[in-house]
N, C-alpha and C. Protein backbone atom coordinates (compact mmCIF):
# COMPACT_ATOMS: atom_id res chain seq x y z
N MET A 1 -47.90 -29.97 -34.04
CA MET A 1 -47.02 -30.91 -33.82
C MET A 1 -46.21 -31.54 -34.38
N LEU A 2 -44.64 -31.50 -33.63
CA LEU A 2 -43.37 -31.92 -33.96
C LEU A 2 -43.49 -33.36 -34.28
N SER A 3 -42.57 -33.55 -34.61
CA SER A 3 -42.14 -35.06 -34.88
C SER A 3 -41.06 -35.58 -33.77
N VAL A 4 -41.34 -36.23 -33.88
CA VAL A 4 -40.23 -37.43 -32.53
C VAL A 4 -38.82 -36.61 -32.99
N LYS A 5 -38.57 -35.83 -34.34
CA LYS A 5 -37.22 -36.13 -35.18
C LYS A 5 -36.99 -34.47 -34.13
N GLY A 6 -37.95 -33.48 -34.41
CA GLY A 6 -38.33 -32.21 -34.56
C GLY A 6 -38.04 -31.54 -32.76
N LYS A 7 -38.34 -32.77 -32.08
CA LYS A 7 -38.98 -32.88 -30.47
C LYS A 7 -37.23 -32.79 -30.33
N ILE A 8 -36.53 -33.86 -30.55
CA ILE A 8 -34.79 -34.05 -30.11
C ILE A 8 -33.92 -33.24 -30.30
N ARG A 9 -33.70 -32.41 -32.61
CA ARG A 9 -34.00 -31.52 -32.06
C ARG A 9 -34.35 -30.21 -31.58
N SER A 10 -34.72 -30.52 -31.70
CA SER A 10 -35.25 -28.89 -30.04
C SER A 10 -35.03 -28.91 -28.43
N GLY A 11 -34.76 -30.11 -28.87
CA GLY A 11 -34.12 -30.87 -27.45
C GLY A 11 -32.89 -30.44 -26.52
N TYR A 12 -32.07 -30.63 -27.92
CA TYR A 12 -30.45 -30.11 -28.07
C TYR A 12 -30.35 -28.75 -28.22
N VAL A 13 -30.90 -27.94 -29.41
CA VAL A 13 -31.13 -26.54 -29.24
C VAL A 13 -31.08 -26.15 -27.53
N LEU A 14 -31.87 -26.70 -26.87
CA LEU A 14 -32.33 -25.95 -25.75
C LEU A 14 -31.38 -26.77 -24.64
N ALA A 15 -30.70 -27.54 -24.72
CA ALA A 15 -29.89 -27.96 -24.40
C ALA A 15 -28.46 -26.95 -24.48
N PHE A 16 -27.86 -27.43 -25.83
CA PHE A 16 -27.14 -26.25 -26.35
C PHE A 16 -26.84 -24.62 -25.65
N LEU A 17 -28.56 -23.90 -25.46
CA LEU A 17 -28.32 -22.59 -25.28
C LEU A 17 -28.13 -22.75 -23.63
N LEU A 18 -28.99 -23.63 -23.15
CA LEU A 18 -28.83 -23.83 -21.63
C LEU A 18 -27.42 -23.76 -20.47
N LEU A 19 -26.56 -24.79 -22.17
CA LEU A 19 -24.91 -24.76 -21.25
C LEU A 19 -24.17 -23.44 -21.64
N LEU A 20 -24.42 -22.97 -23.22
CA LEU A 20 -23.89 -21.35 -23.27
C LEU A 20 -24.12 -20.82 -22.20
N VAL A 21 -25.54 -20.78 -22.13
CA VAL A 21 -25.54 -19.99 -21.00
C VAL A 21 -24.66 -20.13 -19.36
N SER A 22 -25.01 -21.62 -18.85
CA SER A 22 -23.99 -21.46 -18.15
C SER A 22 -23.06 -21.04 -18.14
N TYR A 23 -22.49 -21.32 -18.98
CA TYR A 23 -20.49 -20.61 -19.42
C TYR A 23 -20.47 -19.55 -19.61
N PHE A 24 -21.32 -18.96 -19.82
CA PHE A 24 -21.69 -17.61 -19.69
C PHE A 24 -21.47 -16.84 -18.28
N LEU A 25 -21.99 -17.60 -17.49
CA LEU A 25 -22.20 -17.50 -16.48
C LEU A 25 -21.08 -17.75 -15.37
N ILE A 26 -20.27 -19.02 -15.66
CA ILE A 26 -19.51 -19.84 -14.97
C ILE A 26 -18.19 -18.09 -15.47
N PHE A 27 -17.82 -17.70 -16.10
CA PHE A 27 -16.89 -16.42 -16.86
C PHE A 27 -17.46 -15.49 -15.92
N HIS A 28 -18.08 -15.46 -15.71
CA HIS A 28 -18.50 -13.81 -15.56
C HIS A 28 -18.13 -14.40 -14.02
N THR A 29 -18.52 -15.38 -13.40
CA THR A 29 -18.21 -15.53 -11.48
C THR A 29 -17.11 -15.45 -11.79
N ILE A 30 -16.00 -16.28 -12.75
CA ILE A 30 -14.94 -16.51 -12.37
C ILE A 30 -13.67 -15.01 -12.55
N GLY A 31 -15.16 -14.21 -13.72
CA GLY A 31 -13.97 -13.13 -13.36
C GLY A 31 -14.07 -12.12 -12.88
N LYS A 32 -15.46 -12.33 -12.00
CA LYS A 32 -15.89 -11.17 -10.81
C LYS A 32 -14.89 -12.03 -9.53
N LEU A 33 -14.62 -12.57 -8.94
CA LEU A 33 -13.66 -13.44 -8.24
C LEU A 33 -12.88 -13.46 -8.66
N ASN A 34 -11.98 -13.40 -9.60
CA ASN A 34 -10.78 -12.89 -9.93
C ASN A 34 -10.32 -11.62 -9.33
N LYS A 35 -11.25 -10.26 -9.24
CA LYS A 35 -11.57 -8.71 -9.15
C LYS A 35 -11.82 -9.15 -8.02
N GLU A 36 -12.20 -9.33 -7.38
CA GLU A 36 -12.29 -9.83 -5.99
C GLU A 36 -10.96 -9.73 -5.25
N SER A 37 -10.54 -10.47 -5.24
CA SER A 37 -9.84 -11.24 -4.95
C SER A 37 -7.91 -10.63 -5.10
N ASP A 38 -8.11 -10.25 -6.37
CA ASP A 38 -6.97 -8.62 -6.62
C ASP A 38 -7.22 -7.93 -5.97
N MET A 39 -8.48 -7.49 -5.60
CA MET A 39 -8.62 -6.19 -4.94
C MET A 39 -8.23 -6.40 -2.93
N VAL A 40 -8.60 -7.60 -2.57
CA VAL A 40 -8.16 -8.11 -1.09
C VAL A 40 -6.26 -7.93 -1.77
N THR A 41 -6.03 -8.77 -2.25
CA THR A 41 -4.83 -8.24 -2.38
C THR A 41 -4.26 -7.21 -2.34
N ARG A 42 -4.30 -6.22 -3.54
CA ARG A 42 -4.00 -5.16 -3.63
C ARG A 42 -3.75 -4.61 -1.80
N ASN A 43 -5.12 -4.66 -0.84
CA ASN A 43 -5.19 -4.07 0.11
C ASN A 43 -3.91 -4.34 1.45
N LEU A 44 -3.78 -5.89 1.01
CA LEU A 44 -2.77 -6.11 1.55
C LEU A 44 -1.16 -5.49 1.16
N VAL A 45 -0.91 -5.71 0.64
CA VAL A 45 0.01 -4.98 -0.41
C VAL A 45 0.00 -3.83 0.12
N VAL A 46 -0.81 -2.77 0.07
CA VAL A 46 -0.69 -1.66 0.39
C VAL A 46 -0.69 -1.93 1.93
N MET A 47 -0.49 -2.11 2.96
CA MET A 47 -0.39 -2.35 4.22
C MET A 47 0.78 -2.54 4.25
N ASN A 48 1.30 -3.94 3.86
CA ASN A 48 3.09 -4.08 3.88
C ASN A 48 3.64 -2.98 3.54
N ARG A 49 3.17 -1.86 1.97
CA ARG A 49 4.73 -0.72 2.10
C ARG A 49 4.36 0.14 2.92
N LEU A 50 3.04 0.38 3.11
CA LEU A 50 3.29 1.25 4.15
C LEU A 50 3.58 0.50 5.88
N GLU A 51 3.67 -0.04 5.69
CA GLU A 51 4.73 -0.90 7.02
C GLU A 51 5.97 -0.66 6.82
N SER A 52 6.62 -0.95 5.43
CA SER A 52 7.84 -0.59 4.95
C SER A 52 8.28 0.80 5.40
N LEU A 53 7.25 1.76 4.28
CA LEU A 53 7.60 3.17 4.54
C LEU A 53 7.58 3.01 6.76
N ARG A 54 7.39 3.31 7.01
CA ARG A 54 7.79 3.30 8.91
C ARG A 54 9.01 2.80 8.44
N GLY A 55 9.03 2.00 8.47
CA GLY A 55 10.66 0.70 8.79
C GLY A 55 11.41 1.76 8.74
N ASP A 56 11.34 1.78 6.91
CA ASP A 56 12.65 2.68 6.41
C ASP A 56 12.49 4.28 6.97
N ILE A 57 11.76 4.75 7.59
CA ILE A 57 11.99 6.43 7.99
C ILE A 57 12.56 6.03 9.81
N THR A 58 12.59 4.60 10.18
CA THR A 58 13.34 5.07 11.62
C THR A 58 14.06 4.42 11.26
N GLU A 59 14.33 3.76 9.75
CA GLU A 59 15.72 3.11 9.80
C GLU A 59 16.75 4.66 9.84
N ALA A 60 16.28 4.95 8.75
CA ALA A 60 17.16 6.17 8.45
C ALA A 60 17.09 7.27 9.33
N GLU A 61 16.23 7.45 10.61
CA GLU A 61 16.62 8.28 12.00
C GLU A 61 17.53 7.52 12.21
N THR A 62 17.58 6.21 12.55
CA THR A 62 18.23 5.69 13.43
C THR A 62 19.56 5.24 12.91
N GLY A 63 19.85 5.36 12.15
CA GLY A 63 20.81 5.23 11.51
C GLY A 63 21.75 6.30 11.76
N LEU A 64 21.76 7.95 11.69
CA LEU A 64 21.58 8.73 11.41
C LEU A 64 21.61 9.61 12.70
N ARG A 65 20.96 9.30 13.79
CA ARG A 65 21.18 9.29 15.66
C ARG A 65 22.16 8.19 15.93
N GLY A 66 22.63 7.31 15.16
CA GLY A 66 24.33 6.28 15.33
C GLY A 66 25.33 6.91 15.09
N TYR A 67 25.01 7.67 13.80
CA TYR A 67 26.58 8.14 13.12
C TYR A 67 26.95 9.77 14.19
N VAL A 68 25.35 10.53 14.64
CA VAL A 68 25.72 11.67 15.34
C VAL A 68 26.04 10.97 16.65
N ILE A 69 26.05 9.84 17.17
CA ILE A 69 26.42 9.50 18.95
C ILE A 69 28.32 8.84 18.84
N THR A 70 28.20 8.05 17.60
CA THR A 70 29.13 7.38 17.54
C THR A 70 30.47 7.62 16.49
N ASN A 71 29.74 8.62 15.43
CA ASN A 71 31.12 9.44 14.24
C ASN A 71 31.88 8.10 13.60
N ASP A 72 30.84 6.88 13.52
CA ASP A 72 31.54 5.55 13.01
C ASP A 72 30.28 5.89 11.73
N ILE A 73 31.39 5.60 10.44
CA ILE A 73 30.45 5.72 9.18
C ILE A 73 29.85 4.93 8.69
N ARG A 74 30.09 4.01 9.37
CA ARG A 74 28.62 2.39 8.91
C ARG A 74 27.91 2.57 9.34
N PHE A 75 27.38 3.68 10.54
CA PHE A 75 25.92 3.59 10.52
C PHE A 75 25.04 4.53 10.10
N LEU A 76 25.47 4.70 9.14
CA LEU A 76 24.72 6.15 7.97
C LEU A 76 24.54 5.05 6.53
N GLN A 77 24.56 3.98 6.57
CA GLN A 77 23.85 3.13 5.63
C GLN A 77 22.86 2.83 5.58
N PRO A 78 22.23 2.50 6.78
CA PRO A 78 20.55 2.24 7.16
C PRO A 78 19.73 3.61 6.62
N TYR A 79 20.80 5.12 6.54
CA TYR A 79 20.53 6.17 6.33
C TYR A 79 19.88 6.74 4.43
N HIS A 80 21.38 5.86 4.13
CA HIS A 80 21.28 5.74 2.99
C HIS A 80 20.70 5.18 2.56
N THR A 81 20.12 3.87 2.83
CA THR A 81 19.53 2.90 2.22
C THR A 81 18.41 3.38 1.80
N ALA A 82 17.39 4.27 3.40
CA ALA A 82 16.22 4.70 3.65
C ALA A 82 16.49 6.05 2.29
N ARG A 83 16.95 6.38 2.67
CA ARG A 83 16.95 7.43 1.62
C ARG A 83 16.40 7.37 -0.04
N GLN A 84 16.36 5.97 -0.35
CA GLN A 84 16.64 5.62 -2.08
C GLN A 84 15.52 4.84 -1.67
N ARG A 85 15.01 4.08 -0.67
CA ARG A 85 13.79 3.10 -0.99
C ARG A 85 13.09 4.10 -0.42
N ILE A 86 12.83 5.19 -0.01
CA ILE A 86 11.48 5.37 0.44
C ILE A 86 10.61 5.70 -0.89
N PRO A 87 11.36 7.00 -2.37
CA PRO A 87 10.94 6.99 -3.07
C PRO A 87 10.61 6.28 -4.08
N LYS A 88 10.72 4.57 -3.89
CA LYS A 88 10.34 4.06 -4.38
C LYS A 88 9.04 3.19 -4.15
N VAL A 89 9.06 3.04 -2.99
CA VAL A 89 7.57 2.79 -2.10
C VAL A 89 6.95 3.87 -2.24
N MET A 90 6.98 5.02 -2.74
CA MET A 90 5.67 5.91 -2.26
C MET A 90 5.52 5.90 -3.92
N ASP A 91 6.19 5.87 -5.03
CA ASP A 91 5.62 5.54 -6.02
C ASP A 91 4.69 4.20 -6.44
N GLU A 92 5.48 2.79 -6.18
CA GLU A 92 4.61 2.15 -6.34
C GLU A 92 3.03 1.99 -4.90
N LEU A 93 2.81 2.83 -4.25
CA LEU A 93 1.68 2.84 -3.20
C LEU A 93 0.86 3.90 -4.46
N HIS A 94 1.69 4.67 -4.74
CA HIS A 94 0.54 5.98 -5.57
C HIS A 94 0.28 4.92 -7.35
N GLN A 95 0.89 4.05 -7.18
CA GLN A 95 0.29 3.49 -8.84
C GLN A 95 -0.87 2.17 -8.07
N LEU A 96 -0.61 2.20 -6.63
CA LEU A 96 -1.31 0.90 -6.27
C LEU A 96 -3.19 1.38 -5.77
N SER A 97 -3.06 2.65 -5.76
CA SER A 97 -3.42 3.36 -5.12
C SER A 97 -4.32 4.29 -6.02
N ASP A 98 -3.85 4.31 -7.25
CA ASP A 98 -4.68 5.67 -8.43
C ASP A 98 -5.74 5.55 -8.79
N ASP A 99 -6.06 4.03 -8.61
CA ASP A 99 -8.14 4.66 -8.84
C ASP A 99 -8.97 4.88 -7.69
N ASN A 100 -8.02 5.03 -6.26
CA ASN A 100 -8.45 5.72 -5.46
C ASN A 100 -7.87 7.17 -5.22
N PRO A 101 -9.31 8.53 -5.60
CA PRO A 101 -8.40 9.50 -5.41
C PRO A 101 -7.86 9.99 -3.90
N GLN A 102 -9.36 10.07 -3.47
CA GLN A 102 -8.73 10.04 -1.74
C GLN A 102 -7.83 9.41 -0.98
N GLN A 103 -7.54 8.22 -1.39
CA GLN A 103 -6.25 7.68 -1.44
C GLN A 103 -5.05 8.49 -1.69
N VAL A 104 -4.92 8.73 -3.14
CA VAL A 104 -3.96 9.85 -3.69
C VAL A 104 -3.50 11.05 -2.77
N LYS A 105 -5.01 11.44 -2.39
CA LYS A 105 -4.69 12.31 -1.69
C LYS A 105 -4.00 12.34 -0.09
N ARG A 106 -4.63 11.55 0.01
CA ARG A 106 -2.90 11.26 1.83
C ARG A 106 -2.05 10.57 1.67
N LEU A 107 -1.81 9.49 0.16
CA LEU A 107 -0.25 9.42 0.45
C LEU A 107 0.49 10.57 -0.26
N ASP A 108 -0.47 11.88 -1.20
CA ASP A 108 0.81 12.64 -1.26
C ASP A 108 0.86 13.81 -0.21
N THR A 109 -0.28 13.71 1.13
CA THR A 109 0.47 14.25 1.93
C THR A 109 1.70 13.63 2.90
N LEU A 110 1.22 12.18 2.86
CA LEU A 110 2.26 11.35 3.38
C LEU A 110 3.65 11.56 2.83
N ASP A 111 3.62 11.08 1.55
CA ASP A 111 5.46 11.49 0.74
C ASP A 111 5.46 13.04 0.84
N PHE A 112 4.80 13.88 1.61
CA PHE A 112 5.14 15.19 2.31
C PHE A 112 5.98 15.16 3.28
N LEU A 113 4.82 14.82 4.24
CA LEU A 113 5.39 14.63 5.77
C LEU A 113 6.79 13.60 5.26
N LEU A 114 6.70 12.84 4.53
CA LEU A 114 8.27 11.72 4.67
C LEU A 114 9.58 13.24 3.90
N LYS A 115 9.67 13.86 3.24
CA LYS A 115 10.48 14.59 1.91
C LYS A 115 10.68 15.49 3.34
N ARG A 116 9.97 15.45 3.68
CA ARG A 116 9.98 16.63 5.02
C ARG A 116 10.83 16.27 6.20
N ARG A 117 10.66 14.88 6.46
CA ARG A 117 11.61 14.32 7.98
C ARG A 117 13.26 13.94 7.03
N LEU A 118 13.00 13.67 5.74
CA LEU A 118 13.90 13.32 5.21
C LEU A 118 15.08 14.95 4.92
N GLY A 119 14.74 16.03 4.80
CA GLY A 119 14.65 17.16 4.34
C GLY A 119 15.34 17.45 5.96
N PHE A 120 14.74 17.32 6.91
CA PHE A 120 14.99 17.27 8.34
C PHE A 120 16.62 16.65 8.31
N LEU A 121 16.73 15.29 8.30
CA LEU A 121 17.34 14.14 8.21
C LEU A 121 19.15 15.13 7.45
N SER A 122 18.63 15.52 6.68
CA SER A 122 19.94 15.80 5.60
C SER A 122 20.15 16.40 6.02
N GLN A 123 19.93 18.03 6.03
CA GLN A 123 20.35 18.79 7.03
C GLN A 123 20.80 18.85 8.14
N GLY A 124 20.62 17.67 9.39
CA GLY A 124 20.95 17.58 10.19
C GLY A 124 22.45 17.09 9.73
N PHE A 125 22.36 15.70 8.75
CA PHE A 125 23.49 15.63 8.72
C PHE A 125 24.91 16.83 8.02
N ILE A 126 24.56 17.43 7.50
CA ILE A 126 25.09 18.37 6.99
C ILE A 126 25.65 19.28 7.65
N ASN A 127 24.76 20.23 8.86
CA ASN A 127 25.06 20.28 10.00
C ASN A 127 25.85 19.91 10.82
N PHE A 128 26.01 18.71 11.60
CA PHE A 128 26.58 18.09 11.82
C PHE A 128 27.97 18.20 11.98
N GLN A 129 28.36 17.71 10.45
CA GLN A 129 29.72 17.55 9.72
C GLN A 129 30.32 19.28 9.71
N GLN A 130 29.73 20.07 9.22
CA GLN A 130 29.84 21.23 8.53
C GLN A 130 30.20 22.22 10.32
N GLY A 131 29.53 21.59 11.48
CA GLY A 131 30.02 21.98 12.51
C GLY A 131 31.04 21.21 13.36
N GLY A 132 31.93 20.62 12.64
CA GLY A 132 32.71 19.82 13.06
C GLY A 132 32.93 18.93 13.97
N PHE A 133 31.52 18.29 13.75
CA PHE A 133 31.32 16.79 14.06
C PHE A 133 30.87 16.89 15.75
N LYS A 134 30.22 17.61 16.09
CA LYS A 134 29.02 18.32 16.92
C LYS A 134 27.75 18.42 16.48
N ILE A 135 27.25 18.40 17.82
CA ILE A 135 25.80 18.88 18.00
C ILE A 135 25.66 20.62 17.42
N THR A 136 25.04 20.74 16.44
CA THR A 136 24.94 22.51 16.29
C THR A 136 24.11 23.08 17.03
N PRO A 137 23.33 24.37 17.52
CA PRO A 137 22.32 24.95 17.66
C PRO A 137 21.50 25.46 16.75
N GLN A 138 21.39 24.81 15.84
CA GLN A 138 20.70 24.93 14.86
C GLN A 138 19.86 23.28 14.87
N MET A 139 21.20 22.16 15.09
CA MET A 139 20.46 21.28 15.06
C MET A 139 19.62 21.46 16.32
N ARG A 140 19.54 21.69 17.28
CA ARG A 140 18.91 21.69 18.33
C ARG A 140 17.48 22.12 18.62
N GLU A 141 17.82 23.59 17.46
CA GLU A 141 16.83 24.15 17.17
C GLU A 141 15.24 23.11 16.82
N ASP A 142 16.40 22.71 15.21
CA ASP A 142 14.75 21.80 14.40
C ASP A 142 14.63 20.25 15.32
N ARG A 143 15.08 20.84 16.20
CA ARG A 143 14.86 18.85 16.68
C ARG A 143 13.07 18.82 16.92
N GLU A 144 12.89 20.04 17.69
CA GLU A 144 11.80 19.66 18.11
C GLU A 144 10.66 19.72 16.92
N LEU A 145 10.77 20.18 15.57
CA LEU A 145 9.78 20.08 14.33
C LEU A 145 9.96 19.23 14.16
N SER A 146 10.83 18.80 14.13
CA SER A 146 11.64 17.32 13.26
C SER A 146 11.09 16.30 14.21
N LYS A 147 10.48 15.92 15.39
CA LYS A 147 10.11 15.47 15.82
C LYS A 147 8.54 15.37 15.55
N ASN A 148 8.34 16.39 15.54
CA ASN A 148 6.65 16.26 15.44
C ASN A 148 6.19 16.41 14.02
N VAL A 149 6.88 15.94 13.15
CA VAL A 149 6.97 15.32 11.79
C VAL A 149 7.33 14.45 11.83
N MET A 150 8.20 13.46 12.13
CA MET A 150 8.26 12.01 12.08
C MET A 150 6.76 11.53 13.20
N ASP A 151 5.91 12.28 14.79
CA ASP A 151 4.94 11.73 15.14
C ASP A 151 3.78 11.97 14.79
N SER A 152 4.06 13.08 13.20
CA SER A 152 3.07 13.06 12.48
C SER A 152 3.17 11.91 11.38
N ILE A 153 3.87 11.73 10.93
CA ILE A 153 4.04 10.36 9.95
C ILE A 153 3.77 9.12 10.87
N ARG A 154 3.80 8.54 11.85
CA ARG A 154 3.33 7.47 11.79
C ARG A 154 1.91 7.34 12.17
N LEU A 155 1.20 8.52 12.64
CA LEU A 155 0.53 8.61 13.14
C LEU A 155 -0.16 8.93 11.36
N PHE A 156 -0.16 9.03 10.87
CA PHE A 156 -0.50 9.16 8.75
C PHE A 156 -0.57 7.75 8.66
N ILE A 157 0.82 7.31 8.85
CA ILE A 157 0.36 5.88 8.84
C ILE A 157 -0.29 5.13 9.30
N ASN A 158 -0.41 5.15 10.66
CA ASN A 158 -1.80 4.53 11.20
C ASN A 158 -3.19 4.10 11.14
N LYS A 159 -3.39 5.41 9.87
CA LYS A 159 -4.64 5.99 9.27
C LYS A 159 -4.94 5.33 8.53
N LEU A 160 -3.81 5.77 7.49
CA LEU A 160 -3.42 5.45 6.07
C LEU A 160 -3.76 3.57 6.35
N GLU A 161 -3.64 2.79 7.18
CA GLU A 161 -3.50 1.47 8.02
C GLU A 161 -4.90 0.85 8.18
N LYS A 162 -5.48 2.01 8.61
CA LYS A 162 -7.13 1.67 9.46
C LYS A 162 -7.30 1.84 8.05
N ILE A 163 -7.74 2.71 7.17
CA ILE A 163 -8.48 2.96 6.77
C ILE A 163 -8.08 1.90 5.04
N GLU A 164 -6.99 1.48 4.47
CA GLU A 164 -6.68 0.34 4.50
C GLU A 164 -7.08 -1.23 5.03
N GLU A 165 -7.33 -1.16 6.06
CA GLU A 165 -7.96 -2.48 6.83
C GLU A 165 -9.45 -2.40 6.09
N GLN A 166 -9.53 -1.31 6.88
CA GLN A 166 -11.68 -0.77 6.89
C GLN A 166 -11.93 -1.54 5.38
N MET A 167 -11.64 -0.83 4.22
CA MET A 167 -11.50 -1.55 2.99
C MET A 167 -11.54 -2.71 2.55
N GLY A 168 -9.93 -3.43 3.24
CA GLY A 168 -9.98 -4.72 3.01
C GLY A 168 -11.16 -5.71 3.72
N GLN A 169 -11.62 -5.44 5.01
CA GLN A 169 -12.27 -6.08 5.32
C GLN A 169 -13.73 -5.94 4.81
N GLN A 170 -14.27 -5.12 4.07
CA GLN A 170 -15.66 -4.37 3.18
C GLN A 170 -15.05 -5.53 2.06
N ARG A 171 -14.15 -5.76 1.44
CA ARG A 171 -13.79 -6.41 0.08
C ARG A 171 -13.92 -7.74 0.80
N GLN A 172 -13.35 -8.56 1.78
CA GLN A 172 -13.50 -9.57 2.50
C GLN A 172 -14.47 -9.80 2.31
N SER A 173 -15.31 -9.27 2.71
CA SER A 173 -16.95 -9.90 3.35
C SER A 173 -17.87 -9.21 1.86
N SER A 174 -17.67 -8.74 1.22
CA SER A 174 -17.86 -8.92 -0.09
C SER A 174 -17.81 -9.87 -0.90
N LEU A 175 -16.43 -10.78 -1.23
CA LEU A 175 -16.02 -11.98 -1.20
C LEU A 175 -16.16 -13.73 -0.50
N SER A 176 -17.02 -12.55 0.81
CA SER A 176 -17.49 -13.85 1.10
C SER A 176 -19.09 -13.92 1.11
N ARG A 177 -19.65 -12.94 0.47
CA ARG A 177 -20.78 -13.00 0.12
C ARG A 177 -20.86 -13.33 -1.13
N PHE A 178 -20.36 -12.88 -1.91
CA PHE A 178 -20.11 -13.34 -3.16
C PHE A 178 -20.26 -14.66 -3.39
N PHE A 179 -18.89 -15.83 -3.05
CA PHE A 179 -18.70 -17.09 -2.74
C PHE A 179 -20.28 -17.45 -1.90
N SER A 180 -20.67 -17.44 -0.43
CA SER A 180 -21.61 -18.17 -0.48
C SER A 180 -23.14 -17.90 -1.18
N GLY A 181 -23.01 -17.07 -2.33
CA GLY A 181 -23.94 -16.56 -3.41
C GLY A 181 -24.06 -17.82 -4.46
N THR A 182 -22.80 -18.12 -4.25
CA THR A 182 -22.78 -18.88 -6.12
C THR A 182 -22.17 -20.35 -5.14
N GLU A 183 -22.47 -21.20 -4.59
CA GLU A 183 -22.78 -22.16 -3.59
C GLU A 183 -23.91 -22.81 -3.97
N THR A 184 -23.59 -24.06 -4.19
CA THR A 184 -24.81 -24.21 -4.76
C THR A 184 -25.27 -26.28 -3.37
N THR A 185 -26.36 -26.34 -3.26
CA THR A 185 -26.11 -27.46 -2.71
C THR A 185 -27.12 -28.66 -2.91
């Protein structure tokens, strides 16, 4: 049998062990909570960057079209800005998605489409200038294919946004379940 002093020591040791276990559980819970909330935030950032890409490629097209219509070089500013921004945004998207091989493949496809569209725009710009600032037969010939690429970009960005939205909802749900599992009443 334990003496009173022994029982008190055993009680302190047991209390210390219970506190130690609870601290580990708290740190584990906080770590998991941070990870889950970071993933939800990541989804929102990816969706924001996809929307930015949509706006940038539209701005490039609109700027070049404004230049062709008005022959005013000021309209080229959005075109040049978009040409610089699009590769940076794509790099950021690849970094955000490097843990998801399927998403990386999808982003590679989007990158290909964007480069193709920018190529059409650049070639149209060159053709316009070399054609005496008039719409050339080559520009007319490329118009339909270029439009199809732009339509593909829009559809592909919509698809990527839906995928990200679904992943975000799953993560939100997981986070909610995690919160409800850690509540005490």
